[in-house]
Amino acid sequence: MTGSRTLLLLRHGKAESPTGIADRDRPLAGRGRRQSEHAGAACRASGVVPGLVVVSPALRARETWVEFARGLGVEPEVDIDRRVYANTIEDLLDVITGTPEELDTLMIVGHNPSIGDLSRLLDEDESRRRGTAVADGYPTGALTIFDVDVPWALVAPGTGRLRAVVRR
């Protein structure tokens, strides 16, 4: 496949922090469920539907995906990948660069700081972020949508162009 690809980066929705629960097992809060479903509905309205969704194994990320899919109205292929929970830019880039070239839209559901850091590195033009919900950080439930005009295997800093930011 040649031409533009679409990359979606979704930070998990607002999560609870119950005492005695391991970080990996933290559930979404009600607000996080609403954030996630809103982002999915916004994608449906704009016609952006991922062909593959790679999700962190953390409960809050998996629940974020479930709510997002409810808003999206379809359920594409989902892969739970521990590299997303590792929360490094390098691991996220490994996920992206290992994506099959025939896929045109990839979504990653993960965590900060890696999701926010990667979004800033993909499109290094700060003027496109200015005035958006991710201008000063990457809040829970935020989704960034990037156009990528290189093969997945060549995605690196500076190879994306921020198209949209969705946040409730």
N, C-alpha and C. Protein backbone atom coordinates (compact mmCIF):
# COMPACT_ATOMS: atom_id res chain seq x y z
N MET A 1 0.84 -1.18 0.00
CA MET A 1 0.00 0.00 0.00
C MET A 1 0.88 1.24 0.00
N THR A 2 0.50 2.22 -0.80
CA THR A 2 1.19 3.49 -0.79
C THR A 2 0.19 4.56 -0.41
N GLY A 3 0.70 5.75 -0.11
CA GLY A 3 -0.20 6.83 0.24
C GLY A 3 -0.33 6.99 1.74
N SER A 4 -1.32 7.74 2.12
CA SER A 4 -1.49 8.12 3.52
C SER A 4 -2.07 7.01 4.38
N ARG A 5 -1.53 6.92 5.56
CA ARG A 5 -2.05 6.04 6.60
C ARG A 5 -2.56 6.92 7.72
N THR A 6 -3.34 6.32 8.60
CA THR A 6 -3.87 7.08 9.73
C THR A 6 -3.47 6.37 11.01
N LEU A 7 -2.94 7.13 11.95
CA LEU A 7 -2.54 6.61 13.25
C LEU A 7 -3.33 7.35 14.33
N LEU A 8 -3.97 6.58 15.19
CA LEU A 8 -4.73 7.14 16.31
C LEU A 8 -4.03 6.76 17.61
N LEU A 9 -3.80 7.75 18.45
CA LEU A 9 -3.21 7.51 19.77
C LEU A 9 -4.22 7.95 20.82
N LEU A 10 -4.68 6.99 21.63
CA LEU A 10 -5.68 7.26 22.66
C LEU A 10 -5.09 6.97 24.03
N ARG A 11 -5.09 7.99 24.87
CA ARG A 11 -4.72 7.77 26.27
C ARG A 11 -5.95 7.23 26.98
N HIS A 12 -5.76 6.23 27.82
CA HIS A 12 -6.89 5.65 28.55
C HIS A 12 -7.70 6.75 29.24
N GLY A 13 -8.97 6.46 29.48
CA GLY A 13 -9.84 7.40 30.18
C GLY A 13 -9.46 7.52 31.65
N LYS A 14 -10.07 8.48 32.30
CA LYS A 14 -9.83 8.72 33.73
C LYS A 14 -10.07 7.42 34.51
N ALA A 15 -9.10 7.06 35.35
CA ALA A 15 -9.17 5.80 36.08
C ALA A 15 -9.34 6.04 37.58
N GLU A 16 -9.86 5.04 38.24
CA GLU A 16 -9.95 5.03 39.70
C GLU A 16 -8.56 4.67 40.25
N SER A 17 -8.34 4.98 41.52
CA SER A 17 -7.10 4.59 42.20
C SER A 17 -7.44 3.97 43.54
N PRO A 18 -8.13 2.82 43.53
CA PRO A 18 -8.53 2.20 44.80
C PRO A 18 -7.32 1.71 45.60
N THR A 19 -7.40 1.84 46.89
CA THR A 19 -6.35 1.36 47.78
C THR A 19 -6.20 -0.15 47.66
N GLY A 20 -4.96 -0.60 47.60
CA GLY A 20 -4.70 -2.02 47.58
C GLY A 20 -4.83 -2.68 46.22
N ILE A 21 -5.10 -1.91 45.17
CA ILE A 21 -5.23 -2.47 43.82
C ILE A 21 -3.95 -2.16 43.04
N ALA A 22 -3.39 -3.16 42.40
CA ALA A 22 -2.19 -2.97 41.59
C ALA A 22 -2.48 -2.02 40.44
N ASP A 23 -1.47 -1.28 40.01
CA ASP A 23 -1.64 -0.31 38.92
C ASP A 23 -2.28 -0.94 37.70
N ARG A 24 -1.84 -2.12 37.35
CA ARG A 24 -2.35 -2.81 36.15
C ARG A 24 -3.85 -3.12 36.25
N ASP A 25 -4.38 -3.20 37.48
CA ASP A 25 -5.77 -3.59 37.70
C ASP A 25 -6.70 -2.42 38.01
N ARG A 26 -6.22 -1.20 37.85
CA ARG A 26 -7.06 -0.02 38.12
C ARG A 26 -8.17 0.08 37.07
N PRO A 27 -9.44 0.22 37.50
CA PRO A 27 -10.55 0.33 36.56
C PRO A 27 -10.80 1.78 36.13
N LEU A 28 -11.57 1.93 35.08
CA LEU A 28 -11.99 3.26 34.65
C LEU A 28 -13.00 3.84 35.64
N ALA A 29 -12.95 5.13 35.79
CA ALA A 29 -13.98 5.86 36.53
C ALA A 29 -15.14 6.12 35.57
N GLY A 30 -16.28 6.53 36.09
CA GLY A 30 -17.42 6.86 35.23
C GLY A 30 -17.05 7.91 34.20
N ARG A 31 -16.29 8.91 34.62
CA ARG A 31 -15.84 9.96 33.70
C ARG A 31 -15.00 9.36 32.57
N GLY A 32 -14.15 8.39 32.91
CA GLY A 32 -13.31 7.74 31.91
C GLY A 32 -14.13 6.98 30.89
N ARG A 33 -15.20 6.36 31.34
CA ARG A 33 -16.10 5.64 30.42
C ARG A 33 -16.75 6.62 29.44
N ARG A 34 -17.19 7.75 29.95
CA ARG A 34 -17.82 8.77 29.09
C ARG A 34 -16.81 9.36 28.11
N GLN A 35 -15.60 9.62 28.59
CA GLN A 35 -14.55 10.15 27.70
C GLN A 35 -14.29 9.19 26.53
N SER A 36 -14.18 7.93 26.87
CA SER A 36 -13.82 6.92 25.87
C SER A 36 -14.93 6.73 24.84
N GLU A 37 -16.16 6.65 25.30
CA GLU A 37 -17.28 6.49 24.37
C GLU A 37 -17.41 7.72 23.47
N HIS A 38 -17.18 8.90 24.04
CA HIS A 38 -17.23 10.13 23.26
C HIS A 38 -16.20 10.11 22.13
N ALA A 39 -14.97 9.67 22.44
CA ALA A 39 -13.92 9.61 21.43
C ALA A 39 -14.30 8.64 20.31
N GLY A 40 -14.88 7.51 20.66
CA GLY A 40 -15.32 6.55 19.65
C GLY A 40 -16.41 7.12 18.76
N ALA A 41 -17.37 7.82 19.37
CA ALA A 41 -18.46 8.43 18.59
C ALA A 41 -17.91 9.51 17.67
N ALA A 42 -16.91 10.26 18.13
CA ALA A 42 -16.31 11.30 17.28
C ALA A 42 -15.61 10.67 16.08
N CYS A 43 -14.95 9.53 16.29
CA CYS A 43 -14.32 8.84 15.16
C CYS A 43 -15.37 8.35 14.17
N ARG A 44 -16.45 7.76 14.71
CA ARG A 44 -17.54 7.29 13.83
C ARG A 44 -18.07 8.45 13.00
N ALA A 45 -18.31 9.60 13.62
CA ALA A 45 -18.85 10.76 12.92
C ALA A 45 -17.90 11.27 11.84
N SER A 46 -16.60 11.13 12.06
CA SER A 46 -15.64 11.62 11.07
C SER A 46 -15.23 10.55 10.06
N GLY A 47 -15.74 9.33 10.23
CA GLY A 47 -15.43 8.26 9.29
C GLY A 47 -14.09 7.60 9.50
N VAL A 48 -13.45 7.84 10.63
CA VAL A 48 -12.15 7.23 10.93
C VAL A 48 -12.39 5.95 11.72
N VAL A 49 -12.08 4.81 11.12
CA VAL A 49 -12.29 3.52 11.76
C VAL A 49 -10.98 2.73 11.70
N PRO A 50 -10.41 2.39 12.85
CA PRO A 50 -9.16 1.62 12.81
C PRO A 50 -9.38 0.21 12.29
N GLY A 51 -8.38 -0.28 11.56
CA GLY A 51 -8.41 -1.66 11.11
C GLY A 51 -7.81 -2.60 12.14
N LEU A 52 -6.94 -2.05 12.97
CA LEU A 52 -6.30 -2.80 14.05
C LEU A 52 -6.17 -1.87 15.24
N VAL A 53 -6.47 -2.39 16.44
CA VAL A 53 -6.33 -1.64 17.68
C VAL A 53 -5.38 -2.42 18.57
N VAL A 54 -4.31 -1.77 18.99
CA VAL A 54 -3.34 -2.39 19.89
C VAL A 54 -3.52 -1.74 21.26
N VAL A 55 -3.82 -2.57 22.25
CA VAL A 55 -4.23 -2.08 23.57
C VAL A 55 -3.28 -2.59 24.65
N SER A 56 -2.98 -1.73 25.59
CA SER A 56 -2.22 -2.13 26.77
C SER A 56 -3.03 -3.18 27.54
N PRO A 57 -2.36 -4.11 28.21
CA PRO A 57 -3.08 -5.10 29.00
C PRO A 57 -3.65 -4.55 30.31
N ALA A 58 -3.35 -3.32 30.68
CA ALA A 58 -3.90 -2.74 31.90
C ALA A 58 -5.42 -2.67 31.79
N LEU A 59 -6.10 -2.95 32.90
CA LEU A 59 -7.56 -2.97 32.90
C LEU A 59 -8.15 -1.65 32.40
N ARG A 60 -7.62 -0.52 32.84
CA ARG A 60 -8.18 0.77 32.42
C ARG A 60 -8.07 0.99 30.92
N ALA A 61 -7.01 0.48 30.31
CA ALA A 61 -6.85 0.62 28.85
C ALA A 61 -7.82 -0.31 28.12
N ARG A 62 -7.97 -1.54 28.62
CA ARG A 62 -8.91 -2.47 27.99
C ARG A 62 -10.34 -1.95 28.11
N GLU A 63 -10.70 -1.39 29.28
CA GLU A 63 -12.04 -0.82 29.45
C GLU A 63 -12.22 0.42 28.58
N THR A 64 -11.15 1.19 28.40
CA THR A 64 -11.21 2.34 27.50
C THR A 64 -11.57 1.88 26.09
N TRP A 65 -10.92 0.80 25.64
CA TRP A 65 -11.21 0.28 24.30
C TRP A 65 -12.67 -0.17 24.20
N VAL A 66 -13.18 -0.87 25.20
CA VAL A 66 -14.57 -1.35 25.16
C VAL A 66 -15.53 -0.17 25.00
N GLU A 67 -15.31 0.89 25.76
CA GLU A 67 -16.20 2.05 25.67
C GLU A 67 -16.01 2.79 24.35
N PHE A 68 -14.78 2.89 23.88
CA PHE A 68 -14.51 3.51 22.59
C PHE A 68 -15.24 2.75 21.49
N ALA A 69 -15.14 1.42 21.51
CA ALA A 69 -15.81 0.58 20.50
C ALA A 69 -17.32 0.77 20.55
N ARG A 70 -17.88 0.95 21.75
CA ARG A 70 -19.32 1.21 21.87
C ARG A 70 -19.69 2.50 21.12
N GLY A 71 -18.87 3.54 21.28
CA GLY A 71 -19.12 4.79 20.57
C GLY A 71 -18.86 4.68 19.08
N LEU A 72 -17.86 3.88 18.71
CA LEU A 72 -17.50 3.69 17.31
C LEU A 72 -18.56 2.90 16.56
N GLY A 73 -19.16 1.93 17.24
CA GLY A 73 -20.21 1.14 16.62
C GLY A 73 -19.73 -0.05 15.81
N VAL A 74 -18.43 -0.28 15.77
CA VAL A 74 -17.86 -1.47 15.11
C VAL A 74 -16.73 -1.99 15.99
N GLU A 75 -16.36 -3.23 15.75
CA GLU A 75 -15.27 -3.82 16.53
C GLU A 75 -14.21 -4.38 15.60
N PRO A 76 -13.17 -3.58 15.31
CA PRO A 76 -12.08 -4.09 14.48
C PRO A 76 -11.23 -5.10 15.25
N GLU A 77 -10.23 -5.63 14.60
CA GLU A 77 -9.31 -6.56 15.24
C GLU A 77 -8.59 -5.87 16.40
N VAL A 78 -8.46 -6.58 17.52
CA VAL A 78 -7.81 -6.03 18.72
C VAL A 78 -6.66 -6.93 19.13
N ASP A 79 -5.55 -6.32 19.47
CA ASP A 79 -4.38 -7.04 19.96
C ASP A 79 -3.98 -6.43 21.30
N ILE A 80 -3.94 -7.25 22.34
CA ILE A 80 -3.46 -6.80 23.65
C ILE A 80 -1.95 -7.01 23.64
N ASP A 81 -1.20 -5.94 23.87
CA ASP A 81 0.25 -6.01 23.71
C ASP A 81 0.95 -5.39 24.91
N ARG A 82 1.74 -6.19 25.61
CA ARG A 82 2.44 -5.74 26.81
C ARG A 82 3.40 -4.58 26.54
N ARG A 83 3.86 -4.45 25.30
CA ARG A 83 4.78 -3.33 24.98
C ARG A 83 4.10 -1.98 25.19
N VAL A 84 2.79 -1.92 25.03
CA VAL A 84 2.09 -0.65 25.24
C VAL A 84 2.08 -0.30 26.73
N TYR A 85 1.96 -1.31 27.59
CA TYR A 85 1.99 -1.08 29.04
C TYR A 85 3.39 -0.71 29.50
N ALA A 86 4.42 -1.16 28.79
CA ALA A 86 5.80 -0.83 29.15
C ALA A 86 6.01 0.68 29.15
N ASN A 87 5.20 1.39 28.34
CA ASN A 87 5.11 2.84 28.40
C ASN A 87 6.38 3.57 27.97
N THR A 88 7.03 3.06 26.92
CA THR A 88 8.17 3.78 26.35
C THR A 88 7.86 4.12 24.89
N ILE A 89 8.44 5.21 24.44
CA ILE A 89 8.28 5.61 23.04
C ILE A 89 8.85 4.53 22.13
N GLU A 90 9.96 3.94 22.52
CA GLU A 90 10.59 2.91 21.70
C GLU A 90 9.65 1.72 21.51
N ASP A 91 8.99 1.31 22.59
CA ASP A 91 8.05 0.18 22.47
C ASP A 91 6.87 0.54 21.57
N LEU A 92 6.35 1.75 21.69
CA LEU A 92 5.23 2.16 20.83
C LEU A 92 5.68 2.20 19.37
N LEU A 93 6.87 2.72 19.12
CA LEU A 93 7.39 2.73 17.74
C LEU A 93 7.59 1.32 17.21
N ASP A 94 8.01 0.39 18.07
CA ASP A 94 8.13 -1.01 17.64
C ASP A 94 6.77 -1.57 17.22
N VAL A 95 5.73 -1.24 17.98
CA VAL A 95 4.38 -1.68 17.62
C VAL A 95 4.01 -1.12 16.25
N ILE A 96 4.24 0.17 16.06
CA ILE A 96 3.86 0.84 14.81
C ILE A 96 4.65 0.30 13.63
N THR A 97 5.96 0.21 13.79
CA THR A 97 6.79 -0.20 12.65
C THR A 97 6.62 -1.68 12.31
N GLY A 98 6.03 -2.45 13.21
CA GLY A 98 5.73 -3.84 12.93
C GLY A 98 4.35 -4.08 12.36
N THR A 99 3.63 -3.02 12.09
CA THR A 99 2.27 -3.13 11.56
C THR A 99 2.30 -3.57 10.09
N PRO A 100 1.43 -4.49 9.72
CA PRO A 100 1.37 -4.92 8.32
C PRO A 100 1.09 -3.74 7.38
N GLU A 101 1.83 -3.67 6.29
CA GLU A 101 1.71 -2.53 5.37
C GLU A 101 0.35 -2.40 4.72
N GLU A 102 -0.40 -3.51 4.60
CA GLU A 102 -1.72 -3.42 3.96
C GLU A 102 -2.75 -2.72 4.84
N LEU A 103 -2.44 -2.53 6.12
CA LEU A 103 -3.35 -1.86 7.04
C LEU A 103 -3.24 -0.35 6.85
N ASP A 104 -4.37 0.33 6.71
CA ASP A 104 -4.29 1.78 6.51
C ASP A 104 -4.58 2.60 7.77
N THR A 105 -5.20 2.01 8.79
CA THR A 105 -5.50 2.77 10.01
C THR A 105 -5.20 1.93 11.24
N LEU A 106 -4.30 2.44 12.07
CA LEU A 106 -3.86 1.77 13.29
C LEU A 106 -4.21 2.65 14.49
N MET A 107 -4.64 2.01 15.56
CA MET A 107 -4.93 2.74 16.80
C MET A 107 -4.18 2.08 17.94
N ILE A 108 -3.61 2.90 18.83
CA ILE A 108 -2.96 2.41 20.04
C ILE A 108 -3.68 3.03 21.24
N VAL A 109 -4.04 2.18 22.20
CA VAL A 109 -4.67 2.64 23.45
C VAL A 109 -3.67 2.39 24.56
N GLY A 110 -3.14 3.48 25.11
CA GLY A 110 -2.07 3.33 26.09
C GLY A 110 -2.08 4.38 27.17
N HIS A 111 -0.88 4.74 27.59
CA HIS A 111 -0.67 5.52 28.80
C HIS A 111 0.27 6.68 28.55
N ASN A 112 0.20 7.65 29.44
CA ASN A 112 1.23 8.68 29.49
C ASN A 112 2.35 8.18 30.38
N PRO A 113 3.57 8.58 30.16
CA PRO A 113 3.96 9.67 29.28
C PRO A 113 4.19 9.27 27.82
N SER A 114 4.22 7.98 27.50
CA SER A 114 4.62 7.58 26.15
C SER A 114 3.65 8.03 25.07
N ILE A 115 2.34 7.97 25.32
CA ILE A 115 1.37 8.39 24.29
C ILE A 115 1.55 9.89 24.00
N GLY A 116 1.63 10.70 25.03
CA GLY A 116 1.81 12.14 24.84
C GLY A 116 3.15 12.48 24.20
N ASP A 117 4.20 11.83 24.67
CA ASP A 117 5.54 12.09 24.12
C ASP A 117 5.61 11.69 22.64
N LEU A 118 5.03 10.54 22.32
CA LEU A 118 5.05 10.12 20.92
C LEU A 118 4.25 11.07 20.04
N SER A 119 3.14 11.56 20.55
CA SER A 119 2.33 12.49 19.74
C SER A 119 3.12 13.77 19.44
N ARG A 120 3.90 14.23 20.39
CA ARG A 120 4.71 15.43 20.16
C ARG A 120 5.85 15.15 19.19
N LEU A 121 6.41 13.95 19.24
CA LEU A 121 7.51 13.61 18.35
C LEU A 121 7.06 13.33 16.92
N LEU A 122 5.88 12.72 16.77
CA LEU A 122 5.41 12.39 15.42
C LEU A 122 5.23 13.64 14.57
N ASP A 123 4.62 14.65 15.15
CA ASP A 123 4.44 15.93 14.45
C ASP A 123 5.16 16.98 15.27
N GLU A 124 6.35 17.32 14.82
CA GLU A 124 7.18 18.23 15.58
C GLU A 124 6.78 19.69 15.40
N ASP A 125 5.76 19.96 14.58
CA ASP A 125 5.29 21.32 14.35
C ASP A 125 4.36 21.74 15.49
N GLU A 126 4.91 22.45 16.45
CA GLU A 126 4.15 22.85 17.63
C GLU A 126 2.94 23.72 17.28
N SER A 127 2.99 24.42 16.18
CA SER A 127 1.88 25.31 15.81
C SER A 127 0.59 24.52 15.55
N ARG A 128 0.69 23.25 15.14
CA ARG A 128 -0.52 22.45 14.92
C ARG A 128 -1.15 22.01 16.23
N ARG A 129 -0.35 21.91 17.30
CA ARG A 129 -0.88 21.54 18.62
C ARG A 129 -1.43 22.75 19.37
N ARG A 130 -0.92 23.92 19.06
CA ARG A 130 -1.32 25.12 19.78
C ARG A 130 -2.84 25.30 19.69
N GLY A 131 -3.46 25.55 20.81
CA GLY A 131 -4.90 25.76 20.83
C GLY A 131 -5.71 24.48 20.90
N THR A 132 -5.04 23.32 20.97
CA THR A 132 -5.77 22.05 21.08
C THR A 132 -5.73 21.56 22.52
N ALA A 133 -6.46 20.49 22.78
CA ALA A 133 -6.53 19.90 24.12
C ALA A 133 -5.21 19.26 24.54
N VAL A 134 -4.26 19.11 23.64
CA VAL A 134 -2.98 18.51 24.01
C VAL A 134 -1.83 19.52 23.96
N ALA A 135 -2.15 20.80 23.90
CA ALA A 135 -1.12 21.83 23.81
C ALA A 135 -0.19 21.82 25.02
N ASP A 136 -0.73 21.58 26.20
CA ASP A 136 0.08 21.64 27.42
C ASP A 136 0.14 20.29 28.14
N GLY A 137 -0.02 19.21 27.43
CA GLY A 137 -0.01 17.89 28.03
C GLY A 137 -0.90 16.97 27.21
N TYR A 138 -1.20 15.82 27.76
CA TYR A 138 -2.03 14.86 27.05
C TYR A 138 -2.98 14.28 28.08
N PRO A 139 -4.14 14.90 28.27
CA PRO A 139 -5.05 14.50 29.34
C PRO A 139 -5.68 13.12 29.13
N THR A 140 -6.19 12.54 30.20
CA THR A 140 -6.86 11.26 30.09
C THR A 140 -8.01 11.37 29.10
N GLY A 141 -8.22 10.31 28.35
CA GLY A 141 -9.31 10.25 27.39
C GLY A 141 -9.07 11.01 26.11
N ALA A 142 -7.92 11.66 25.97
CA ALA A 142 -7.63 12.42 24.75
C ALA A 142 -7.19 11.47 23.62
N LEU A 143 -7.59 11.82 22.42
CA LEU A 143 -7.26 11.06 21.21
C LEU A 143 -6.64 12.02 20.21
N THR A 144 -5.50 11.62 19.65
CA THR A 144 -4.92 12.38 18.55
C THR A 144 -4.96 11.51 17.31
N ILE A 145 -5.22 12.17 16.19
CA ILE A 145 -5.30 11.48 14.90
C ILE A 145 -4.23 12.09 13.99
N PHE A 146 -3.39 11.22 13.45
CA PHE A 146 -2.27 11.65 12.61
C PHE A 146 -2.40 11.07 11.21
N ASP A 147 -2.00 11.86 10.22
CA ASP A 147 -1.78 11.36 8.87
C ASP A 147 -0.31 10.99 8.79
N VAL A 148 -0.03 9.83 8.24
CA VAL A 148 1.35 9.33 8.11
C VAL A 148 1.54 8.97 6.64
N ASP A 149 2.50 9.61 6.00
CA ASP A 149 2.71 9.40 4.56
C ASP A 149 3.91 8.53 4.24
N VAL A 150 4.37 7.75 5.21
CA VAL A 150 5.46 6.80 4.97
C VAL A 150 4.94 5.41 5.32
N PRO A 151 5.59 4.36 4.83
CA PRO A 151 5.20 3.01 5.25
C PRO A 151 5.32 2.88 6.77
N TRP A 152 4.50 2.00 7.35
CA TRP A 152 4.55 1.79 8.81
C TRP A 152 5.98 1.53 9.27
N ALA A 153 6.73 0.74 8.51
CA ALA A 153 8.08 0.37 8.91
C ALA A 153 9.02 1.56 9.03
N LEU A 154 8.64 2.69 8.43
CA LEU A 154 9.51 3.89 8.45
C LEU A 154 8.99 4.99 9.38
N VAL A 155 7.93 4.71 10.13
CA VAL A 155 7.42 5.74 11.04
C VAL A 155 8.48 6.04 12.09
N ALA A 156 8.74 7.33 12.26
CA ALA A 156 9.76 7.82 13.18
C ALA A 156 9.39 9.25 13.55
N PRO A 157 10.08 9.84 14.49
CA PRO A 157 9.80 11.25 14.81
C PRO A 157 9.80 12.11 13.55
N GLY A 158 8.80 12.98 13.48
CA GLY A 158 8.68 13.91 12.37
C GLY A 158 7.96 13.37 11.15
N THR A 159 7.48 12.14 11.17
CA THR A 159 6.85 11.56 9.98
C THR A 159 5.32 11.62 10.01
N GLY A 160 4.75 12.25 11.02
CA GLY A 160 3.30 12.36 11.11
C GLY A 160 2.85 13.81 11.05
N ARG A 161 1.58 13.99 10.71
CA ARG A 161 0.99 15.33 10.69
C ARG A 161 -0.31 15.25 11.50
N LEU A 162 -0.38 16.04 12.57
CA LEU A 162 -1.57 16.05 13.41
C LEU A 162 -2.77 16.54 12.61
N ARG A 163 -3.80 15.68 12.53
CA ARG A 163 -5.02 16.02 11.83
C ARG A 163 -6.09 16.54 12.78
N ALA A 164 -6.23 15.86 13.92
CA ALA A 164 -7.31 16.23 14.84
C ALA A 164 -6.98 15.79 16.25
N VAL A 165 -7.62 16.48 17.20
CA VAL A 165 -7.57 16.11 18.61
C VAL A 165 -9.00 16.01 19.08
N VAL A 166 -9.32 14.90 19.77
CA VAL A 166 -10.66 14.69 20.31
C VAL A 166 -10.53 14.59 21.82
N ARG A 167 -11.33 15.37 22.51
CA ARG A 167 -11.34 15.31 23.97
C ARG A 167 -12.71 15.75 24.46
N ARG A 168 -13.20 15.03 25.44
CA ARG A 168 -14.47 15.45 26.05
C ARG A 168 -14.20 16.27 27.27
